[in-house]
Amino acid sequence: MDEQDAARALAAARFDVRTGRVAGRDPFRLAWRRLRQAQARPST
C-alpha cells in the first residue's frame, strides 16, 4: 500500500462519515479497515 492509496481511503472514509453514509464512525478506523479488507482480497 502506498501513500496515495492511504490518502484516497481516508478521504473516502471522511466523506462517508461526513455525509452520514456511515453512522458515527471514526474515519481513520474506517479507512484502515477498508484498506485491510482490500489487501486481504486477491487482486485481479
C-alpha atoms as a PDB file:
ATOM      1  CA  MET A   1       0.000   0.000   0.000  1.00  0.00           C
ATOM      2  CA  ASP A   2       1.384   3.382  -0.881  1.00  0.00           C
ATOM      3  CA  GLU A   3       0.733   6.856   0.450  1.00  0.00           C
ATOM      4  CA  GLN A   4      -1.732   7.714  -2.316  1.00  0.00           C
ATOM      5  CA  ASP A   5      -3.863   4.629  -1.584  1.00  0.00           C
ATOM      6  CA  ALA A   6      -3.976   5.558   2.102  1.00  0.00           C
ATOM      7  CA  ALA A   7      -4.878   9.176   1.330  1.00  0.00           C
ATOM      8  CA  ARG A   8      -7.669   8.095  -1.024  1.00  0.00           C
ATOM      9  CA  ALA A   9      -9.062   5.642   1.523  1.00  0.00           C
ATOM     10  CA  LEU A  10      -9.027   8.277   4.258  1.00  0.00           C
ATOM     11  CA  ALA A  11     -10.695  10.857   2.002  1.00  0.00           C
ATOM     12  CA  ALA A  12     -13.431   8.373   1.090  1.00  0.00           C
ATOM     13  CA  ALA A  13     -13.956   7.430   4.737  1.00  0.00           C
ATOM     14  CA  ARG A  14     -14.142  11.082   5.788  1.00  0.00           C
ATOM     15  CA  PHE A  15     -16.707  11.723   3.047  1.00  0.00           C
ATOM     16  CA  ASP A  16     -18.808   8.733   4.140  1.00  0.00           C
ATOM     17  CA  VAL A  17     -18.744   9.853   7.787  1.00  0.00           C
ATOM     18  CA  ARG A  18     -19.483  13.494   6.939  1.00  0.00           C
ATOM     19  CA  THR A  19     -22.419  12.674   4.661  1.00  0.00           C
ATOM     20  CA  GLY A  20     -23.891  10.217   7.145  1.00  0.00           C
ATOM     21  CA  ARG A  21     -23.452   7.138   4.981  1.00  0.00           C
ATOM     22  CA  VAL A  22     -21.573   5.548   7.875  1.00  0.00           C
ATOM     23  CA  ALA A  23     -23.132   6.480  11.201  1.00  0.00           C
ATOM     24  CA  GLY A  24     -20.830   7.785  13.925  1.00  0.00           C
ATOM     25  CA  ARG A  25     -17.625   6.102  12.853  1.00  0.00           C
ATOM     26  CA  ASP A  26     -14.054   7.262  13.185  1.00  0.00           C
ATOM     27  CA  PRO A  27     -12.864   7.886   9.607  1.00  0.00           C
ATOM     28  CA  PHE A  28      -9.329   6.706  10.429  1.00  0.00           C
ATOM     29  CA  ARG A  29     -10.576   3.338  11.680  1.00  0.00           C
ATOM     30  CA  LEU A  30     -12.954   3.022   8.758  1.00  0.00           C
ATOM     31  CA  ALA A  31     -10.185   3.779   6.251  1.00  0.00           C
ATOM     32  CA  TRP A  32      -7.810   1.330   7.955  1.00  0.00           C
ATOM     33  CA  ARG A  33     -10.435  -1.430   7.951  1.00  0.00           C
ATOM     34  CA  ARG A  34     -11.196  -0.860   4.264  1.00  0.00           C
ATOM     35  CA  LEU A  35      -7.503  -0.949   3.366  1.00  0.00           C
ATOM     36  CA  ARG A  36      -7.010  -4.169   5.325  1.00  0.00           C
ATOM     37  CA  GLN A  37     -10.016  -5.753   3.604  1.00  0.00           C
ATOM     38  CA  ALA A  38      -8.718  -4.660   0.193  1.00  0.00           C
ATOM     39  CA  GLN A  39      -5.348  -6.245   0.933  1.00  0.00           C
ATOM     40  CA  ALA A  40      -6.954  -9.481   2.109  1.00  0.00           C
ATOM     41  CA  ARG A  41      -8.820  -9.855  -1.168  1.00  0.00           C
ATOM     42  CA  PRO A  42      -6.821 -11.347  -4.021  1.00  0.00           C
ATOM     43  CA  SER A  43      -6.159  -8.664  -6.604  1.00  0.00           C
ATOM     44  CA  THR A  44      -7.270  -9.408 -10.140  1.00  0.00           C
END
